[in-house]
Amino acid sequence: MQLEISLTVRALCLLVFCATGLLCTRGEEIHRLAQRKLCADEECSHPISMARALADYTAPDCRFINIRQGQIVYIYGKLKGKGRDYWQGTVSLRHRALPPQCLV
């Protein structure tokens, strides 16, 4: 009796696991933002500079940060490569990438 219950539970778990795998779609691959990162220190823990947002910026994905006009942004690193330049900064304790064009 105990063995039958154990096998039934295992079979149900396997069925749920497989069904979930079939229903889920694979995540979209996100390209790397840069080959190099320039920072003030090795851990990028000290700000390089401070800037004020010239305009609102809505992040296209989770790697970027939303910025509102007038917000102060602390810049910790500059990402370089592939014809794109992004800065790594903090707004309201959120640390992510942002385009330098929206800052002064």
C-alpha atoms as a PDB file:
ATOM      1  CA  MET A   1       0.000   0.000   0.000  1.00  0.00           C
ATOM      2  CA  GLN A   2       2.760   2.437   0.990  1.00  0.00           C
ATOM      3  CA  LEU A   3       4.733   1.546  -2.152  1.00  0.00           C
ATOM      4  CA  GLU A   4       1.695   2.159  -4.376  1.00  0.00           C
ATOM      5  CA  ILE A   5       1.138   5.626  -2.865  1.00  0.00           C
ATOM      6  CA  SER A   6       4.820   6.459  -3.257  1.00  0.00           C
ATOM      7  CA  LEU A   7       4.796   5.407  -6.920  1.00  0.00           C
ATOM      8  CA  THR A   8       1.578   7.339  -7.553  1.00  0.00           C
ATOM      9  CA  VAL A   9       3.038  10.493  -5.998  1.00  0.00           C
ATOM     10  CA  ARG A  10       6.220  10.134  -8.053  1.00  0.00           C
ATOM     11  CA  ALA A  11       4.216   9.602 -11.244  1.00  0.00           C
ATOM     12  CA  LEU A  12       2.099  12.705 -10.540  1.00  0.00           C
ATOM     13  CA  CYS A  13       5.206  14.782  -9.798  1.00  0.00           C
ATOM     14  CA  LEU A  14       6.808  13.620 -13.040  1.00  0.00           C
ATOM     15  CA  LEU A  15       3.638  14.404 -14.995  1.00  0.00           C
ATOM     16  CA  VAL A  16       3.397  17.915 -13.519  1.00  0.00           C
ATOM     17  CA  PHE A  17       7.109  18.534 -14.115  1.00  0.00           C
ATOM     18  CA  CYS A  18       6.917  17.426 -17.765  1.00  0.00           C
ATOM     19  CA  ALA A  19       3.693  19.326 -18.458  1.00  0.00           C
ATOM     20  CA  THR A  20       5.161  22.496 -16.979  1.00  0.00           C
ATOM     21  CA  GLY A  21       8.221  22.131 -19.181  1.00  0.00           C
ATOM     22  CA  LEU A  22       6.070  21.792 -22.284  1.00  0.00           C
ATOM     23  CA  LEU A  23       3.909  24.800 -21.463  1.00  0.00           C
ATOM     24  CA  CYS A  24       6.757  27.150 -20.578  1.00  0.00           C
ATOM     25  CA  THR A  25       8.508  29.023 -23.348  1.00  0.00           C
ATOM     26  CA  ARG A  26      12.223  29.577 -23.383  1.00  0.00           C
ATOM     27  CA  GLY A  27      13.460  33.007 -22.362  1.00  0.00           C
ATOM     28  CA  GLU A  28      14.740  35.331 -25.015  1.00  0.00           C
ATOM     29  CA  GLU A  29      18.528  35.628 -25.128  1.00  0.00           C
ATOM     30  CA  ILE A  30      19.742  39.116 -24.229  1.00  0.00           C
ATOM     31  CA  HIS A  31      22.886  40.385 -25.930  1.00  0.00           C
ATOM     32  CA  ARG A  32      25.842  41.560 -23.878  1.00  0.00           C
ATOM     33  CA  LEU A  33      25.967  45.335 -23.470  1.00  0.00           C
ATOM     34  CA  ALA A  34      29.750  45.762 -23.631  1.00  0.00           C
ATOM     35  CA  GLN A  35      33.132  44.093 -23.810  1.00  0.00           C
ATOM     36  CA  ARG A  36      34.747  46.497 -21.337  1.00  0.00           C
ATOM     37  CA  LYS A  37      33.676  48.323 -18.203  1.00  0.00           C
ATOM     38  CA  LEU A  38      35.574  51.382 -16.971  1.00  0.00           C
ATOM     39  CA  CYS A  39      35.253  52.116 -13.249  1.00  0.00           C
ATOM     40  CA  ALA A  40      36.950  54.163 -10.521  1.00  0.00           C
ATOM     41  CA  ASP A  41      37.898  50.982  -8.626  1.00  0.00           C
ATOM     42  CA  GLU A  42      38.007  47.239  -9.266  1.00  0.00           C
ATOM     43  CA  GLU A  43      34.542  46.533  -7.799  1.00  0.00           C
ATOM     44  CA  CYS A  44      32.865  49.599  -9.368  1.00  0.00           C
ATOM     45  CA  SER A  45      31.747  50.562  -5.864  1.00  0.00           C
ATOM     46  CA  HIS A  46      32.725  54.264  -5.935  1.00  0.00           C
ATOM     47  CA  PRO A  47      30.896  56.803  -8.106  1.00  0.00           C
ATOM     48  CA  ILE A  48      32.811  58.324 -11.006  1.00  0.00           C
ATOM     49  CA  SER A  49      30.433  61.248 -11.363  1.00  0.00           C
ATOM     50  CA  MET A  50      26.944  62.550 -10.757  1.00  0.00           C
ATOM     51  CA  ALA A  51      24.437  63.690 -13.406  1.00  0.00           C
ATOM     52  CA  ARG A  52      20.904  65.042 -13.687  1.00  0.00           C
ATOM     53  CA  ALA A  53      18.377  63.511 -16.096  1.00  0.00           C
ATOM     54  CA  LEU A  54      17.453  65.830 -18.972  1.00  0.00           C
ATOM     55  CA  ALA A  55      14.369  63.815 -19.912  1.00  0.00           C
ATOM     56  CA  ASP A  56      12.378  60.750 -18.925  1.00  0.00           C
ATOM     57  CA  TYR A  57      13.845  57.433 -20.042  1.00  0.00           C
ATOM     58  CA  THR A  58      11.830  54.209 -20.071  1.00  0.00           C
ATOM     59  CA  ALA A  59      13.956  51.088 -19.763  1.00  0.00           C
ATOM     60  CA  PRO A  60      13.557  48.629 -22.674  1.00  0.00           C
ATOM     61  CA  ASP A  61      14.342  45.609 -20.456  1.00  0.00           C
ATOM     62  CA  CYS A  62      15.449  44.601 -16.948  1.00  0.00           C
ATOM     63  CA  ARG A  63      19.116  45.507 -17.532  1.00  0.00           C
ATOM     64  CA  PHE A  64      18.270  49.213 -17.719  1.00  0.00           C
ATOM     65  CA  ILE A  65      16.819  51.675 -15.242  1.00  0.00           C
ATOM     66  CA  ASN A  66      13.821  53.992 -15.600  1.00  0.00           C
ATOM     67  CA  ILE A  67      14.763  57.642 -15.134  1.00  0.00           C
ATOM     68  CA  ARG A  68      12.529  60.664 -14.632  1.00  0.00           C
ATOM     69  CA  GLN A  69      13.481  64.167 -15.726  1.00  0.00           C
ATOM     70  CA  GLY A  70      15.390  65.977 -12.990  1.00  0.00           C
ATOM     71  CA  GLN A  71      16.455  62.865 -11.060  1.00  0.00           C
ATOM     72  CA  ILE A  72      20.042  62.692  -9.814  1.00  0.00           C
ATOM     73  CA  VAL A  73      21.983  59.695 -11.160  1.00  0.00           C
ATOM     74  CA  TYR A  74      25.238  58.463  -9.627  1.00  0.00           C
ATOM     75  CA  ILE A  75      27.534  57.011 -12.307  1.00  0.00           C
ATOM     76  CA  TYR A  76      29.642  54.008 -11.200  1.00  0.00           C
ATOM     77  CA  GLY A  77      30.935  52.707 -14.516  1.00  0.00           C
ATOM     78  CA  LYS A  78      31.072  53.273 -18.252  1.00  0.00           C
ATOM     79  CA  LEU A  79      30.403  50.313 -20.543  1.00  0.00           C
ATOM     80  CA  LYS A  80      32.235  50.322 -23.872  1.00  0.00           C
ATOM     81  CA  GLY A  81      31.979  48.177 -26.974  1.00  0.00           C
ATOM     82  CA  LYS A  82      30.107  47.080 -30.095  1.00  0.00           C
ATOM     83  CA  GLY A  83      29.425  50.685 -31.136  1.00  0.00           C
ATOM     84  CA  ARG A  84      27.264  51.236 -28.053  1.00  0.00           C
ATOM     85  CA  ASP A  85      28.142  53.250 -24.993  1.00  0.00           C
ATOM     86  CA  TYR A  86      26.151  52.839 -21.805  1.00  0.00           C
ATOM     87  CA  TRP A  87      26.770  54.026 -18.296  1.00  0.00           C
ATOM     88  CA  GLN A  88      26.156  52.022 -15.161  1.00  0.00           C
ATOM     89  CA  GLY A  89      24.446  54.080 -12.505  1.00  0.00           C
ATOM     90  CA  THR A  90      22.161  54.277  -9.522  1.00  0.00           C
ATOM     91  CA  VAL A  91      18.811  56.033  -9.161  1.00  0.00           C
ATOM     92  CA  SER A  92      16.863  55.564  -5.919  1.00  0.00           C
ATOM     93  CA  LEU A  93      19.061  52.595  -4.887  1.00  0.00           C
ATOM     94  CA  ARG A  94      18.488  50.725  -8.190  1.00  0.00           C
ATOM     95  CA  HIS A  95      21.799  49.942  -9.917  1.00  0.00           C
ATOM     96  CA  ARG A  96      21.525  49.287 -13.661  1.00  0.00           C
ATOM     97  CA  ALA A  97      22.611  50.464 -17.116  1.00  0.00           C
ATOM     98  CA  LEU A  98      21.450  53.670 -18.788  1.00  0.00           C
ATOM     99  CA  PRO A  99      22.220  55.652 -21.948  1.00  0.00           C
ATOM    100  CA  PRO A 100      24.379  58.753 -21.328  1.00  0.00           C
ATOM    101  CA  GLN A 101      22.411  60.801 -23.899  1.00  0.00           C
ATOM    102  CA  CYS A 102      19.608  61.480 -21.407  1.00  0.00           C
ATOM    103  CA  LEU A 103      21.948  62.972 -18.763  1.00  0.00           C
ATOM    104  CA  VAL A 104      23.710  66.292 -18.289  1.00  0.00           C
END
